[in-house]
């Protein structure tokens, strides 16, 4: 019996501010077949965006989200 969660990954990007987080979420969901799980307001203006999907798709989505944050400005933290 195969494990249903095998190959499923969680991707996270932490940003400074809501605008970079929105840009990251938009880019991540458009770049790859991932599901937006949500966002967390960490405090101090930091926002974490979470996506879920197959490992390769999550990797591509996180790269696209990081690129989008850099285009917006100094929003990417991790």
PDB file of N, CA and C in Angstrom:
ATOM      1  N   UNK A   1       0.843  -1.175   0.000  1.00  0.00           N
ATOM      2  CA  UNK A   1       0.000   0.000   0.000  1.00  0.00           C
ATOM      3  C   UNK A   1       0.893   1.245   0.000  1.00  0.00           C
ATOM      4  N   UNK A   2       0.673   2.125  -0.939  1.00  0.00           N
ATOM      5  CA  UNK A   2       1.484   3.341  -1.066  1.00  0.00           C
ATOM      6  C   UNK A   2       0.989   4.410  -0.097  1.00  0.00           C
ATOM      7  N   UNK A   3       1.921   5.153   0.422  1.00  0.00           N
ATOM      8  CA  UNK A   3       1.595   6.258   1.313  1.00  0.00           C
ATOM      9  C   UNK A   3       1.087   7.425   0.471  1.00  0.00           C
ATOM     10  N   UNK A   4      -0.115   7.921   0.778  1.00  0.00           N
ATOM     11  CA  UNK A   4      -0.724   8.994  -0.019  1.00  0.00           C
ATOM     12  C   UNK A   4       0.030  10.312   0.077  1.00  0.00           C
ATOM     13  N   UNK A   5       0.779  10.513   1.143  1.00  0.00           N
ATOM     14  CA  UNK A   5       1.496  11.775   1.306  1.00  0.00           C
ATOM     15  C   UNK A   5       2.920  11.707   0.772  1.00  0.00           C
ATOM     16  N   UNK A   6       3.306  10.577   0.208  1.00  0.00           N
ATOM     17  CA  UNK A   6       4.660  10.437  -0.322  1.00  0.00           C
ATOM     18  C   UNK A   6       4.854  11.402  -1.493  1.00  0.00           C
ATOM     19  N   UNK A   7       5.912  12.167  -1.473  1.00  0.00           N
ATOM     20  CA  UNK A   7       6.193  13.113  -2.538  1.00  0.00           C
ATOM     21  C   UNK A   7       5.497  14.451  -2.379  1.00  0.00           C
ATOM     22  N   UNK A   8       4.756  14.626  -1.290  1.00  0.00           N
ATOM     23  CA  UNK A   8       4.077  15.891  -1.032  1.00  0.00           C
ATOM     24  C   UNK A   8       4.976  16.746  -0.145  1.00  0.00           C
ATOM     25  N   UNK A   9       5.123  18.014  -0.517  1.00  0.00           N
ATOM     26  CA  UNK A   9       6.019  18.910   0.215  1.00  0.00           C
ATOM     27  C   UNK A   9       5.273  20.166   0.652  1.00  0.00           C
ATOM     28  N   UNK A  10       5.844  20.829   1.634  1.00  0.00           N
ATOM     29  CA  UNK A  10       5.340  22.103   2.126  1.00  0.00           C
ATOM     30  C   UNK A  10       6.377  23.166   1.802  1.00  0.00           C
ATOM     31  N   UNK A  11       5.954  24.242   1.171  1.00  0.00           N
ATOM     32  CA  UNK A  11       6.860  25.336   0.847  1.00  0.00           C
ATOM     33  C   UNK A  11       6.464  26.592   1.599  1.00  0.00           C
ATOM     34  N   UNK A  12       7.464  27.324   2.088  1.00  0.00           N
ATOM     35  CA  UNK A  12       7.204  28.541   2.848  1.00  0.00           C
ATOM     36  C   UNK A  12       8.113  29.666   2.377  1.00  0.00           C
ATOM     37  N   UNK A  13       7.562  30.856   2.329  1.00  0.00           N
ATOM     38  CA  UNK A  13       8.338  32.065   2.076  1.00  0.00           C
ATOM     39  C   UNK A  13       7.938  33.066   3.149  1.00  0.00           C
ATOM     40  N   UNK A  14       8.929  33.666   3.782  1.00  0.00           N
ATOM     41  CA  UNK A  14       8.657  34.700   4.780  1.00  0.00           C
ATOM     42  C   UNK A  14       9.045  36.053   4.200  1.00  0.00           C
ATOM     43  N   UNK A  15       8.148  37.018   4.342  1.00  0.00           N
ATOM     44  CA  UNK A  15       8.361  38.336   3.758  1.00  0.00           C
ATOM     45  C   UNK A  15       8.231  39.429   4.813  1.00  0.00           C
ATOM     46  N   UNK A  16       8.755  40.594   4.473  1.00  0.00           N
ATOM     47  CA  UNK A  16       8.542  41.794   5.285  1.00  0.00           C
ATOM     48  C   UNK A  16       7.380  42.550   4.672  1.00  0.00           C
ATOM     49  N   UNK A  17       6.229  42.478   5.272  1.00  0.00           N
ATOM     50  CA  UNK A  17       5.074  43.212   4.783  1.00  0.00           C
ATOM     51  C   UNK A  17       4.104  42.350   3.995  1.00  0.00           C
ATOM     52  N   UNK A  18       2.898  42.878   3.840  1.00  0.00           N
ATOM     53  CA  UNK A  18       1.825  42.149   3.180  1.00  0.00           C
ATOM     54  C   UNK A  18       1.932  42.178   1.658  1.00  0.00           C
ATOM     55  N   UNK A  19       2.372  43.292   1.088  1.00  0.00           N
ATOM     56  CA  UNK A  19       2.449  43.397  -0.378  1.00  0.00           C
ATOM     57  C   UNK A  19       3.396  42.351  -0.970  1.00  0.00           C
ATOM     58  N   UNK A  20       4.623  42.191  -0.450  1.00  0.00           N
ATOM     59  CA  UNK A  20       5.480  41.128  -0.981  1.00  0.00           C
ATOM     60  C   UNK A  20       4.879  39.735  -0.780  1.00  0.00           C
ATOM     61  N   UNK A  21       4.146  39.537   0.311  1.00  0.00           N
ATOM     62  CA  UNK A  21       3.512  38.238   0.559  1.00  0.00           C
ATOM     63  C   UNK A  21       2.443  37.948  -0.490  1.00  0.00           C
ATOM     64  N   UNK A  22       1.664  38.958  -0.837  1.00  0.00           N
ATOM     65  CA  UNK A  22       0.632  38.785  -1.865  1.00  0.00           C
ATOM     66  C   UNK A  22       1.279  38.509  -3.218  1.00  0.00           C
ATOM     67  N   UNK A  23       2.327  39.248  -3.541  1.00  0.00           N
ATOM     68  CA  UNK A  23       3.050  39.016  -4.798  1.00  0.00           C
ATOM     69  C   UNK A  23       3.617  37.598  -4.838  1.00  0.00           C
ATOM     70  N   UNK A  24       4.198  37.157  -3.728  1.00  0.00           N
ATOM     71  CA  UNK A  24       4.773  35.810  -3.661  1.00  0.00           C
ATOM     72  C   UNK A  24       3.694  34.753  -3.837  1.00  0.00           C
ATOM     73  N   UNK A  25       2.575  34.904  -3.138  1.00  0.00           N
ATOM     74  CA  UNK A  25       1.485  33.933  -3.235  1.00  0.00           C
ATOM     75  C   UNK A  25       0.952  33.853  -4.660  1.00  0.00           C
ATOM     76  N   UNK A  26       0.797  34.999  -5.301  1.00  0.00           N
ATOM     77  CA  UNK A  26       0.314  35.043  -6.679  1.00  0.00           C
ATOM     78  C   UNK A  26       1.282  34.326  -7.615  1.00  0.00           C
ATOM     79  N   UNK A  27       2.559  34.645  -7.493  1.00  0.00           N
ATOM     80  CA  UNK A  27       3.569  34.025  -8.363  1.00  0.00           C
ATOM     81  C   UNK A  27       3.680  32.529  -8.107  1.00  0.00           C
ATOM     82  N   UNK A  28       3.608  32.135  -6.847  1.00  0.00           N
ATOM     83  CA  UNK A  28       3.753  30.717  -6.502  1.00  0.00           C
ATOM     84  C   UNK A  28       2.624  29.878  -7.099  1.00  0.00           C
ATOM     85  N   UNK A  29       1.394  30.365  -6.989  1.00  0.00           N
ATOM     86  CA  UNK A  29       0.262  29.585  -7.485  1.00  0.00           C
ATOM     87  C   UNK A  29       0.168  29.598  -9.008  1.00  0.00           C
ATOM     88  N   UNK A  30       0.725  30.617  -9.642  1.00  0.00           N
ATOM     89  CA  UNK A  30       0.715  30.670 -11.106  1.00  0.00           C
ATOM     90  C   UNK A  30       1.870  29.895 -11.729  1.00  0.00           C
ATOM     91  N   UNK A  31       2.973  29.757 -10.995  1.00  0.00           N
ATOM     92  CA  UNK A  31       4.171  29.135 -11.551  1.00  0.00           C
ATOM     93  C   UNK A  31       4.114  27.615 -11.557  1.00  0.00           C
ATOM     94  N   UNK A  32       3.379  27.037 -10.638  1.00  0.00           N
ATOM     95  CA  UNK A  32       3.379  25.575 -10.515  1.00  0.00           C
ATOM     96  C   UNK A  32       2.048  25.112  -9.936  1.00  0.00           C
ATOM     97  N   UNK A  33       1.807  23.831 -10.074  1.00  0.00           N
ATOM     98  CA  UNK A  33       0.574  23.257  -9.550  1.00  0.00           C
ATOM     99  C   UNK A  33       0.726  23.000  -8.053  1.00  0.00           C
ATOM    100  N   UNK A  34       0.499  24.054  -7.283  1.00  0.00           N
ATOM    101  CA  UNK A  34       0.552  23.971  -5.825  1.00  0.00           C
ATOM    102  C   UNK A  34      -0.740  24.548  -5.264  1.00  0.00           C
ATOM    103  N   UNK A  35      -1.018  24.179  -4.036  1.00  0.00           N
ATOM    104  CA  UNK A  35      -2.213  24.682  -3.364  1.00  0.00           C
ATOM    105  C   UNK A  35      -1.786  25.673  -2.291  1.00  0.00           C
ATOM    106  N   UNK A  36      -2.378  26.843  -2.308  1.00  0.00           N
ATOM    107  CA  UNK A  36      -2.093  27.844  -1.289  1.00  0.00           C
ATOM    108  C   UNK A  36      -2.784  27.411  -0.005  1.00  0.00           C
ATOM    109  N   UNK A  37      -1.987  27.110   1.012  1.00  0.00           N
ATOM    110  CA  UNK A  37      -2.547  26.686   2.297  1.00  0.00           C
ATOM    111  C   UNK A  37      -2.994  27.898   3.096  1.00  0.00           C
ATOM    112  N   UNK A  38      -2.205  28.956   3.032  1.00  0.00           N
ATOM    113  CA  UNK A  38      -2.593  30.158   3.759  1.00  0.00           C
ATOM    114  C   UNK A  38      -1.414  31.060   4.019  1.00  0.00           C
ATOM    115  N   UNK A  39      -1.632  31.973   4.957  1.00  0.00           N
ATOM    116  CA  UNK A  39      -0.585  32.897   5.363  1.00  0.00           C
ATOM    117  C   UNK A  39      -0.673  33.053   6.869  1.00  0.00           C
ATOM    118  N   UNK A  40       0.455  33.357   7.449  1.00  0.00           N
ATOM    119  CA  UNK A  40       0.536  33.576   8.892  1.00  0.00           C
ATOM    120  C   UNK A  40       1.190  34.924   9.136  1.00  0.00           C
ATOM    121  N   UNK A  41       0.557  35.730   9.957  1.00  0.00           N
ATOM    122  CA  UNK A  41       1.166  36.988  10.381  1.00  0.00           C
ATOM    123  C   UNK A  41       2.034  36.670  11.590  1.00  0.00           C
ATOM    124  N   UNK A  42       3.335  36.689  11.397  1.00  0.00           N
ATOM    125  CA  UNK A  42       4.281  36.258  12.419  1.00  0.00           C
ATOM    126  C   UNK A  42       4.430  37.316  13.505  1.00  0.00           C
ATOM    127  N   UNK A  43       4.359  38.558  13.136  1.00  0.00           N
ATOM    128  CA  UNK A  43       4.566  39.664  14.070  1.00  0.00           C
ATOM    129  C   UNK A  43       5.678  40.552  13.554  1.00  0.00           C
ATOM    130  N   UNK A  44       5.681  41.780  13.984  1.00  0.00           N
ATOM    131  CA  UNK A  44       6.708  42.712  13.548  1.00  0.00           C
ATOM    132  C   UNK A  44       6.668  43.000  12.059  1.00  0.00           C
ATOM    133  N   UNK A  45       5.520  42.774  11.430  1.00  0.00           N
ATOM    134  CA  UNK A  45       5.392  43.030  10.004  1.00  0.00           C
ATOM    135  C   UNK A  45       5.774  41.865   9.107  1.00  0.00           C
ATOM    136  N   UNK A  46       6.166  40.742   9.689  1.00  0.00           N
ATOM    137  CA  UNK A  46       6.555  39.577   8.899  1.00  0.00           C
ATOM    138  C   UNK A  46       5.334  38.719   8.577  1.00  0.00           C
ATOM    139  N   UNK A  47       5.301  38.221   7.344  1.00  0.00           N
ATOM    140  CA  UNK A  47       4.211  37.364   6.882  1.00  0.00           C
ATOM    141  C   UNK A  47       4.819  36.128   6.235  1.00  0.00           C
ATOM    142  N   UNK A  48       4.303  34.954   6.588  1.00  0.00           N
ATOM    143  CA  UNK A  48       4.750  33.702   5.983  1.00  0.00           C
ATOM    144  C   UNK A  48       3.646  33.168   5.084  1.00  0.00           C
ATOM    145  N   UNK A  49       3.994  32.813   3.859  1.00  0.00           N
ATOM    146  CA  UNK A  49       3.065  32.236   2.889  1.00  0.00           C
ATOM    147  C   UNK A  49       3.390  30.754   2.769  1.00  0.00           C
ATOM    148  N   UNK A  50       2.349  29.897   2.826  1.00  0.00           N
ATOM    149  CA  UNK A  50       2.544  28.450   2.790  1.00  0.00           C
ATOM    150  C   UNK A  50       1.826  27.839   1.595  1.00  0.00           C
ATOM    151  N   UNK A  51       2.533  26.969   0.865  1.00  0.00           N
ATOM    152  CA  UNK A  51       1.943  26.225  -0.246  1.00  0.00           C
ATOM    153  C   UNK A  51       2.246  24.745  -0.073  1.00  0.00           C
ATOM    154  N   UNK A  52       1.435  23.919  -0.726  1.00  0.00           N
ATOM    155  CA  UNK A  52       1.583  22.470  -0.638  1.00  0.00           C
ATOM    156  C   UNK A  52       1.421  21.875  -2.026  1.00  0.00           C
ATOM    157  N   UNK A  53       2.205  20.837  -2.302  1.00  0.00           N
ATOM    158  CA  UNK A  53       2.101  20.155  -3.581  1.00  0.00           C
ATOM    159  C   UNK A  53       3.204  19.129  -3.721  1.00  0.00           C
ATOM    160  N   UNK A  54       3.365  18.618  -4.923  1.00  0.00           N
ATOM    161  CA  UNK A  54       4.442  17.667  -5.160  1.00  0.00           C
ATOM    162  C   UNK A  54       5.777  18.388  -5.050  1.00  0.00           C
ATOM    163  N   UNK A  55       6.790  17.654  -4.681  1.00  0.00           N
ATOM    164  CA  UNK A  55       8.089  18.236  -4.350  1.00  0.00           C
ATOM    165  C   UNK A  55       8.631  19.155  -5.443  1.00  0.00           C
ATOM    166  N   UNK A  56       8.646  18.705  -6.670  1.00  0.00           N
ATOM    167  CA  UNK A  56       9.168  19.527  -7.767  1.00  0.00           C
ATOM    168  C   UNK A  56       8.359  20.794  -7.978  1.00  0.00           C
ATOM    169  N   UNK A  57       7.044  20.678  -7.862  1.00  0.00           N
ATOM    170  CA  UNK A  57       6.177  21.839  -8.040  1.00  0.00           C
ATOM    171  C   UNK A  57       6.391  22.856  -6.925  1.00  0.00           C
ATOM    172  N   UNK A  58       6.569  22.369  -5.707  1.00  0.00           N
ATOM    173  CA  UNK A  58       6.800  23.274  -4.578  1.00  0.00           C
ATOM    174  C   UNK A  58       8.134  23.994  -4.743  1.00  0.00           C
ATOM    175  N   UNK A  59       9.158  23.281  -5.175  1.00  0.00           N
ATOM    176  CA  UNK A  59      10.460  23.920  -5.414  1.00  0.00           C
ATOM    177  C   UNK A  59      10.342  25.037  -6.449  1.00  0.00           C
ATOM    178  N   UNK A  60       9.653  24.756  -7.547  1.00  0.00           N
ATOM    179  CA  UNK A  60       9.471  25.767  -8.592  1.00  0.00           C
ATOM    180  C   UNK A  60       8.654  26.949  -8.076  1.00  0.00           C
ATOM    181  N   UNK A  61       7.633  26.662  -7.288  1.00  0.00           N
ATOM    182  CA  UNK A  61       6.783  27.722  -6.752  1.00  0.00           C
ATOM    183  C   UNK A  61       7.551  28.629  -5.796  1.00  0.00           C
ATOM    184  N   UNK A  62       8.375  28.039  -4.942  1.00  0.00           N
ATOM    185  CA  UNK A  62       9.144  28.839  -3.986  1.00  0.00           C
ATOM    186  C   UNK A  62      10.145  29.727  -4.717  1.00  0.00           C
ATOM    187  N   UNK A  63      10.780  29.192  -5.748  1.00  0.00           N
ATOM    188  CA  UNK A  63      11.703  30.014  -6.545  1.00  0.00           C
ATOM    189  C   UNK A  63      10.963  31.187  -7.192  1.00  0.00           C
ATOM    190  N   UNK A  64       9.792  30.909  -7.753  1.00  0.00           N
ATOM    191  CA  UNK A  64       9.008  31.971  -8.392  1.00  0.00           C
ATOM    192  C   UNK A  64       8.554  33.004  -7.368  1.00  0.00           C
ATOM    193  N   UNK A  65       8.166  32.558  -6.192  1.00  0.00           N
ATOM    194  CA  UNK A  65       7.754  33.483  -5.137  1.00  0.00           C
ATOM    195  C   UNK A  65       8.895  34.361  -4.670  1.00  0.00           C
ATOM    196  N   UNK A  66      10.076  33.777  -4.537  1.00  0.00           N
ATOM    197  CA  UNK A  66      11.256  34.549  -4.126  1.00  0.00           C
ATOM    198  C   UNK A  66      11.605  35.595  -5.180  1.00  0.00           C
ATOM    199  N   UNK A  67      11.539  35.218  -6.449  1.00  0.00           N
ATOM    200  CA  UNK A  67      11.808  36.171  -7.532  1.00  0.00           C
ATOM    201  C   UNK A  67      10.805  37.326  -7.510  1.00  0.00           C
ATOM    202  N   UNK A  68       9.531  37.005  -7.262  1.00  0.00           N
ATOM    203  CA  UNK A  68       8.496  38.044  -7.217  1.00  0.00           C
ATOM    204  C   UNK A  68       8.749  39.014  -6.071  1.00  0.00           C
ATOM    205  N   UNK A  69       9.181  38.501  -4.933  1.00  0.00           N
ATOM    206  CA  UNK A  69       9.493  39.374  -3.786  1.00  0.00           C
ATOM    207  C   UNK A  69      10.641  40.309  -4.111  1.00  0.00           C
ATOM    208  N   UNK A  70      11.639  39.801  -4.785  1.00  0.00           N
ATOM    209  CA  UNK A  70      12.789  40.632  -5.136  1.00  0.00           C
ATOM    210  C   UNK A  70      12.402  41.732  -6.119  1.00  0.00           C
ATOM    211  N   UNK A  71      11.455  41.455  -7.011  1.00  0.00           N
ATOM    212  CA  UNK A  71      11.001  42.472  -7.959  1.00  0.00           C
ATOM    213  C   UNK A  71      10.235  43.592  -7.253  1.00  0.00           C
ATOM    214  N   UNK A  72       9.501  43.240  -6.200  1.00  0.00           N
ATOM    215  CA  UNK A  72       8.720  44.228  -5.453  1.00  0.00           C
ATOM    216  C   UNK A  72       9.632  45.141  -4.649  1.00  0.00           C
ATOM    217  N   UNK A  73      10.714  44.599  -4.160  1.00  0.00           N
ATOM    218  CA  UNK A  73      11.636  45.381  -3.334  1.00  0.00           C
ATOM    219  C   UNK A  73      12.273  44.483  -2.294  1.00  0.00           C
ATOM    220  N   UNK A  74      12.624  45.051  -1.182  1.00  0.00           N
ATOM    221  CA  UNK A  74      13.308  44.306  -0.123  1.00  0.00           C
ATOM    222  C   UNK A  74      12.285  43.596   0.755  1.00  0.00           C
ATOM    223  N   UNK A  75      11.542  42.662   0.185  1.00  0.00           N
ATOM    224  CA  UNK A  75      10.488  42.003   0.939  1.00  0.00           C
ATOM    225  C   UNK A  75      10.803  40.603   1.385  1.00  0.00           C
ATOM    226  N   UNK A  76      11.726  39.926   0.706  1.00  0.00           N
ATOM    227  CA  UNK A  76      12.005  38.523   1.010  1.00  0.00           C
ATOM    228  C   UNK A  76      12.893  38.412   2.234  1.00  0.00           C
ATOM    229  N   UNK A  77      12.479  37.576   3.182  1.00  0.00           N
ATOM    230  CA  UNK A  77      13.284  37.316   4.372  1.00  0.00           C
ATOM    231  C   UNK A  77      13.897  35.936   4.269  1.00  0.00           C
ATOM    232  N   UNK A  78      13.075  34.922   4.084  1.00  0.00           N
ATOM    233  CA  UNK A  78      13.573  33.543   3.998  1.00  0.00           C
ATOM    234  C   UNK A  78      12.656  32.702   3.140  1.00  0.00           C
TER     235      UNK A  78
END
